[in-house]
N, C-alpha and C. Protein backbone atom coordinates (compact mmCIF):
# COMPACT_ATOMS: atom_id res chain seq x y z
N MET A 1 164.01 -144.75 86.77
CA MET A 1 163.10 -143.71 87.21
C MET A 1 163.48 -143.26 88.61
N THR A 2 163.25 -142.01 88.87
CA THR A 2 163.51 -141.49 90.20
C THR A 2 162.33 -141.85 91.09
N PRO A 3 162.48 -141.69 92.41
CA PRO A 3 161.36 -141.99 93.30
C PRO A 3 160.11 -141.18 92.97
N SER A 4 160.27 -140.01 92.38
CA SER A 4 159.10 -139.19 92.04
C SER A 4 158.44 -139.65 90.75
N GLY A 5 159.02 -140.67 90.10
CA GLY A 5 158.43 -141.19 88.87
C GLY A 5 158.94 -140.52 87.62
N THR A 6 159.93 -139.63 87.74
CA THR A 6 160.49 -138.93 86.59
C THR A 6 161.58 -139.78 85.97
N LEU A 7 161.52 -139.97 84.68
CA LEU A 7 162.54 -140.73 83.98
C LEU A 7 163.76 -139.84 83.78
N VAL A 8 164.92 -140.33 84.18
CA VAL A 8 166.16 -139.59 84.04
C VAL A 8 167.01 -140.31 83.01
N VAL A 9 167.37 -139.61 81.96
CA VAL A 9 168.22 -140.18 80.93
C VAL A 9 169.53 -139.41 80.96
N VAL A 10 170.61 -140.14 81.10
CA VAL A 10 171.92 -139.52 81.15
C VAL A 10 172.72 -140.03 79.98
N ARG A 11 173.20 -139.13 79.17
CA ARG A 11 174.06 -139.50 78.05
C ARG A 11 175.49 -139.31 78.51
N TRP A 12 176.26 -140.36 78.45
CA TRP A 12 177.63 -140.29 78.91
C TRP A 12 178.51 -139.68 77.84
N ARG A 13 179.23 -138.70 78.21
CA ARG A 13 180.23 -138.10 77.35
C ARG A 13 181.56 -138.26 78.07
N LYS A 14 182.62 -138.33 77.33
CA LYS A 14 183.93 -138.57 77.94
C LYS A 14 184.24 -137.56 79.04
N LYS A 15 183.92 -136.30 78.80
CA LYS A 15 184.26 -135.29 79.81
C LYS A 15 183.39 -135.40 81.05
N ASP A 16 182.24 -136.08 80.97
CA ASP A 16 181.33 -136.20 82.10
C ASP A 16 181.46 -137.54 82.83
N GLN A 17 182.28 -138.44 82.36
CA GLN A 17 182.36 -139.76 82.97
C GLN A 17 183.17 -139.68 84.26
N HIS A 18 182.50 -139.78 85.38
CA HIS A 18 183.18 -139.78 86.67
C HIS A 18 183.34 -141.20 87.17
N SER A 19 182.31 -141.97 87.07
CA SER A 19 182.37 -143.33 87.57
C SER A 19 181.31 -144.15 86.86
N ALA A 20 181.71 -145.34 86.48
CA ALA A 20 180.75 -146.22 85.82
C ALA A 20 179.68 -146.67 86.80
N SER A 21 179.96 -146.57 88.11
CA SER A 21 178.99 -147.01 89.11
C SER A 21 178.05 -145.88 89.54
N GLU A 22 178.23 -144.69 89.01
CA GLU A 22 177.38 -143.56 89.36
C GLU A 22 175.98 -143.77 88.78
N THR A 23 174.96 -143.64 89.61
CA THR A 23 173.59 -143.83 89.14
C THR A 23 173.13 -142.57 88.40
N PRO A 24 172.08 -142.68 87.59
CA PRO A 24 171.56 -141.48 86.92
C PRO A 24 171.16 -140.40 87.91
N GLU A 25 170.59 -140.78 89.05
CA GLU A 25 170.18 -139.79 90.05
C GLU A 25 171.40 -139.06 90.61
N GLN A 26 172.50 -139.81 90.85
CA GLN A 26 173.73 -139.20 91.35
C GLN A 26 174.33 -138.25 90.32
N THR A 27 174.28 -138.66 89.07
CA THR A 27 174.80 -137.81 88.00
C THR A 27 174.00 -136.52 87.92
N LEU A 28 172.67 -136.64 87.97
CA LEU A 28 171.81 -135.46 87.91
C LEU A 28 172.09 -134.55 89.10
N ALA A 29 172.21 -135.13 90.30
CA ALA A 29 172.49 -134.32 91.49
C ALA A 29 173.84 -133.62 91.37
N ARG A 30 174.87 -134.34 90.85
CA ARG A 30 176.19 -133.74 90.67
C ARG A 30 176.14 -132.58 89.68
N LEU A 31 175.44 -132.79 88.57
CA LEU A 31 175.34 -131.72 87.57
C LEU A 31 174.60 -130.51 88.11
N GLN A 32 173.52 -130.76 88.84
CA GLN A 32 172.75 -129.65 89.40
C GLN A 32 173.54 -128.91 90.46
N SER A 33 174.37 -129.63 91.22
CA SER A 33 175.17 -128.96 92.25
C SER A 33 176.24 -128.06 91.65
N THR A 34 176.63 -128.33 90.42
CA THR A 34 177.62 -127.49 89.75
C THR A 34 176.97 -126.42 88.87
N GLY A 35 175.64 -126.32 88.97
CA GLY A 35 174.93 -125.31 88.19
C GLY A 35 174.60 -125.76 86.78
N GLN A 36 174.78 -127.02 86.49
CA GLN A 36 174.45 -127.56 85.17
C GLN A 36 173.17 -128.35 85.29
N SER A 37 172.34 -128.29 84.29
CA SER A 37 171.09 -129.04 84.32
C SER A 37 171.23 -130.40 83.66
N GLY A 38 172.34 -130.62 82.97
CA GLY A 38 172.49 -131.86 82.23
C GLY A 38 171.92 -131.75 80.83
N ARG A 39 171.28 -130.65 80.51
CA ARG A 39 170.71 -130.42 79.19
C ARG A 39 171.35 -129.18 78.59
N PRO A 40 171.71 -129.23 77.34
CA PRO A 40 172.29 -128.04 76.71
C PRO A 40 171.21 -126.98 76.51
N GLU A 41 171.62 -125.76 76.60
CA GLU A 41 170.70 -124.65 76.37
C GLU A 41 170.64 -124.34 74.88
N ARG A 42 169.48 -124.06 74.39
CA ARG A 42 169.33 -123.60 73.01
C ARG A 42 169.82 -122.16 72.94
N PRO A 43 170.32 -121.74 71.79
CA PRO A 43 170.78 -120.36 71.71
C PRO A 43 169.63 -119.39 71.93
N ALA A 44 169.94 -118.25 72.52
CA ALA A 44 168.91 -117.25 72.80
C ALA A 44 168.27 -116.74 71.52
N THR A 45 169.04 -116.61 70.48
CA THR A 45 168.51 -116.15 69.21
C THR A 45 168.78 -117.21 68.14
N PRO A 46 167.75 -117.93 67.74
CA PRO A 46 167.96 -118.95 66.70
C PRO A 46 168.28 -118.29 65.37
N PRO A 47 168.89 -119.04 64.46
CA PRO A 47 169.16 -118.46 63.15
C PRO A 47 167.86 -118.05 62.48
N PRO A 48 167.90 -116.99 61.69
CA PRO A 48 166.67 -116.52 61.06
C PRO A 48 166.16 -117.50 60.01
N VAL A 49 164.85 -117.63 59.97
CA VAL A 49 164.20 -118.45 58.95
C VAL A 49 163.81 -117.50 57.82
N PRO A 50 164.23 -117.82 56.60
CA PRO A 50 163.86 -116.93 55.49
C PRO A 50 162.34 -116.80 55.37
N ALA A 51 161.88 -115.59 55.19
CA ALA A 51 160.45 -115.37 55.03
C ALA A 51 159.94 -115.98 53.73
N ARG A 52 160.78 -115.96 52.73
CA ARG A 52 160.38 -116.48 51.43
C ARG A 52 161.63 -116.74 50.61
N PHE A 53 161.58 -117.80 49.84
CA PHE A 53 162.70 -118.14 48.96
C PHE A 53 162.37 -117.67 47.55
N PRO A 54 163.38 -117.51 46.71
CA PRO A 54 163.12 -117.20 45.31
C PRO A 54 162.29 -118.35 44.70
N THR A 55 161.40 -117.98 43.80
CA THR A 55 160.55 -119.00 43.18
C THR A 55 161.00 -119.26 41.75
N VAL A 56 160.65 -120.45 41.27
CA VAL A 56 160.96 -120.85 39.90
C VAL A 56 159.69 -121.38 39.26
N ARG A 57 159.67 -121.33 37.95
CA ARG A 57 158.57 -121.87 37.17
C ARG A 57 159.17 -122.44 35.89
N LEU A 58 158.64 -123.52 35.41
CA LEU A 58 159.11 -124.20 34.21
C LEU A 58 160.47 -124.87 34.40
N ARG A 59 160.96 -124.91 35.61
CA ARG A 59 162.10 -125.75 35.94
C ARG A 59 161.83 -126.31 37.34
N GLU A 60 162.52 -127.34 37.68
CA GLU A 60 162.24 -128.06 38.91
C GLU A 60 162.46 -127.19 40.15
N GLY A 61 161.48 -127.23 41.04
CA GLY A 61 161.56 -126.51 42.30
C GLY A 61 160.88 -127.32 43.38
N TYR A 62 161.06 -126.91 44.65
CA TYR A 62 160.43 -127.62 45.76
C TYR A 62 158.99 -127.16 45.95
N GLU A 63 158.13 -128.09 46.34
CA GLU A 63 156.72 -127.80 46.67
C GLU A 63 156.70 -126.77 47.80
N MET A 64 156.11 -125.62 47.53
CA MET A 64 156.16 -124.50 48.46
C MET A 64 155.47 -124.81 49.79
N ALA A 65 154.33 -125.47 49.76
CA ALA A 65 153.59 -125.76 50.99
C ALA A 65 154.39 -126.68 51.92
N GLN A 66 155.10 -127.65 51.35
CA GLN A 66 155.90 -128.56 52.17
C GLN A 66 157.08 -127.84 52.82
N VAL A 67 157.74 -126.98 52.06
CA VAL A 67 158.87 -126.23 52.61
C VAL A 67 158.38 -125.31 53.72
N ASP A 68 157.29 -124.60 53.47
CA ASP A 68 156.75 -123.68 54.48
C ASP A 68 156.34 -124.43 55.75
N ALA A 69 155.73 -125.60 55.60
CA ALA A 69 155.31 -126.39 56.77
C ALA A 69 156.53 -126.84 57.58
N PHE A 70 157.59 -127.25 56.89
CA PHE A 70 158.79 -127.67 57.61
C PHE A 70 159.45 -126.49 58.32
N LEU A 71 159.48 -125.33 57.67
CA LEU A 71 160.08 -124.15 58.29
C LEU A 71 159.33 -123.71 59.54
N ASP A 72 158.02 -124.00 59.59
CA ASP A 72 157.25 -123.67 60.79
C ASP A 72 157.71 -124.48 62.00
N THR A 73 158.33 -125.63 61.77
CA THR A 73 158.75 -126.51 62.87
C THR A 73 160.26 -126.63 62.98
N ILE A 74 161.01 -125.90 62.19
CA ILE A 74 162.46 -126.10 62.12
C ILE A 74 163.17 -125.75 63.42
N GLU A 75 162.64 -124.86 64.23
CA GLU A 75 163.32 -124.47 65.46
C GLU A 75 163.39 -125.62 66.46
N THR A 76 162.53 -126.61 66.32
CA THR A 76 162.56 -127.77 67.22
C THR A 76 163.20 -128.98 66.56
N ALA A 77 163.67 -128.84 65.34
CA ALA A 77 164.26 -129.96 64.60
C ALA A 77 165.69 -130.22 65.05
N THR A 78 166.10 -131.45 64.87
CA THR A 78 167.49 -131.82 65.13
C THR A 78 168.28 -131.66 63.84
N PRO A 79 169.63 -131.57 63.93
CA PRO A 79 170.41 -131.49 62.70
C PRO A 79 170.14 -132.67 61.76
N GLN A 80 169.93 -133.86 62.33
CA GLN A 80 169.65 -135.05 61.51
C GLN A 80 168.33 -134.90 60.76
N GLN A 81 167.31 -134.35 61.42
CA GLN A 81 166.02 -134.15 60.76
C GLN A 81 166.14 -133.15 59.63
N VAL A 82 166.93 -132.10 59.83
CA VAL A 82 167.14 -131.12 58.77
C VAL A 82 167.87 -131.77 57.61
N ARG A 83 168.91 -132.54 57.92
CA ARG A 83 169.71 -133.21 56.88
C ARG A 83 168.87 -134.19 56.07
N ASP A 84 167.98 -134.92 56.74
CA ASP A 84 167.21 -135.98 56.08
C ASP A 84 165.93 -135.49 55.41
N LYS A 85 165.54 -134.25 55.60
CA LYS A 85 164.27 -133.76 55.07
C LYS A 85 164.28 -133.75 53.55
N GLN A 86 163.20 -134.25 52.98
CA GLN A 86 163.04 -134.26 51.52
C GLN A 86 161.70 -133.62 51.19
N PHE A 87 161.67 -132.92 50.06
CA PHE A 87 160.46 -132.26 49.61
C PHE A 87 160.10 -132.78 48.23
N SER A 88 158.81 -132.77 47.94
CA SER A 88 158.36 -133.10 46.59
C SER A 88 158.76 -131.97 45.66
N THR A 89 158.95 -132.32 44.40
CA THR A 89 159.32 -131.29 43.43
C THR A 89 158.16 -131.00 42.49
N VAL A 90 158.16 -129.79 41.97
CA VAL A 90 157.16 -129.37 40.98
C VAL A 90 157.91 -128.83 39.77
N ARG A 91 157.26 -128.88 38.62
CA ARG A 91 157.92 -128.38 37.43
C ARG A 91 157.05 -127.34 36.70
N LEU A 92 155.79 -127.59 36.54
CA LEU A 92 154.95 -126.68 35.78
C LEU A 92 154.22 -125.66 36.65
N ARG A 93 154.34 -125.79 37.95
CA ARG A 93 153.77 -124.79 38.85
C ARG A 93 154.90 -124.08 39.57
N GLU A 94 154.54 -123.02 40.24
CA GLU A 94 155.53 -122.26 40.98
C GLU A 94 156.06 -123.08 42.15
N GLY A 95 157.37 -123.07 42.34
CA GLY A 95 158.01 -123.76 43.46
C GLY A 95 159.19 -122.95 43.94
N TYR A 96 159.72 -123.35 45.09
CA TYR A 96 160.89 -122.65 45.62
C TYR A 96 162.15 -123.13 44.91
N ASP A 97 163.06 -122.21 44.67
CA ASP A 97 164.34 -122.54 44.06
C ASP A 97 165.06 -123.55 44.95
N MET A 98 165.42 -124.69 44.37
CA MET A 98 166.00 -125.79 45.14
C MET A 98 167.35 -125.41 45.75
N ASP A 99 168.18 -124.69 45.01
CA ASP A 99 169.49 -124.31 45.52
C ASP A 99 169.38 -123.38 46.72
N ALA A 100 168.43 -122.44 46.68
CA ALA A 100 168.25 -121.50 47.78
C ALA A 100 167.75 -122.22 49.04
N VAL A 101 166.81 -123.14 48.87
CA VAL A 101 166.28 -123.89 50.01
C VAL A 101 167.38 -124.77 50.59
N ASP A 102 168.10 -125.48 49.73
CA ASP A 102 169.17 -126.37 50.20
C ASP A 102 170.25 -125.59 50.95
N ALA A 103 170.61 -124.42 50.45
CA ALA A 103 171.63 -123.60 51.11
C ALA A 103 171.16 -123.16 52.50
N ALA A 104 169.90 -122.76 52.60
CA ALA A 104 169.36 -122.33 53.90
C ALA A 104 169.31 -123.50 54.88
N LEU A 105 168.90 -124.68 54.40
CA LEU A 105 168.84 -125.85 55.27
C LEU A 105 170.25 -126.29 55.70
N ASP A 106 171.22 -126.17 54.81
CA ASP A 106 172.61 -126.48 55.18
C ASP A 106 173.08 -125.57 56.31
N GLU A 107 172.73 -124.29 56.22
CA GLU A 107 173.11 -123.33 57.26
C GLU A 107 172.44 -123.68 58.59
N TRP A 108 171.15 -124.03 58.53
CA TRP A 108 170.44 -124.43 59.75
C TRP A 108 171.08 -125.67 60.35
N GLU A 109 171.41 -126.63 59.52
CA GLU A 109 172.02 -127.86 60.03
C GLU A 109 173.33 -127.56 60.74
N LYS A 110 174.16 -126.69 60.15
CA LYS A 110 175.42 -126.31 60.78
C LYS A 110 175.19 -125.63 62.13
N ARG A 111 174.26 -124.70 62.17
CA ARG A 111 174.00 -123.98 63.42
C ARG A 111 173.42 -124.89 64.48
N LEU A 112 172.48 -125.75 64.08
CA LEU A 112 171.90 -126.68 65.05
C LEU A 112 172.94 -127.71 65.48
N GLY A 113 173.86 -128.07 64.60
CA GLY A 113 174.89 -129.04 64.91
C GLY A 113 175.88 -128.53 65.94
N SER A 114 175.98 -127.22 66.09
CA SER A 114 176.90 -126.66 67.08
C SER A 114 176.30 -126.70 68.48
N ILE A 115 175.02 -127.12 68.57
CA ILE A 115 174.33 -127.24 69.86
C ILE A 115 174.32 -128.72 70.22
N PRO A 116 174.84 -129.12 71.37
CA PRO A 116 174.78 -130.53 71.74
C PRO A 116 173.34 -131.00 71.80
N GLU A 117 173.07 -132.19 71.27
CA GLU A 117 171.71 -132.72 71.28
C GLU A 117 171.38 -133.26 72.65
N ASP A 118 170.07 -133.25 72.97
CA ASP A 118 169.60 -133.81 74.25
C ASP A 118 169.86 -135.28 74.31
């Protein structure tokens, strides 16, 4: 913790390793002096979230409410959370086409993966 009580977490990357004896406060000061905050910036325009997926009936599809709830929070998700997300399936009620949802989530995972994680 810094003297102000703020917890500083520094993730070491090969390109940022200056000295093993450098304290987190020194690393933060060095990054700030070079105009870096130590945190990656999110893209100014996130990938678009589909307003609606094709629906299916009488064949397996994803529970629409679960997919919609996850899409409401996807902009703050990590690539791992997107990759690991699972939805309940429905068969006799209307659900989202599984292939369309999976393709959209794969695209989100790729785009989020191009952003270094905190």
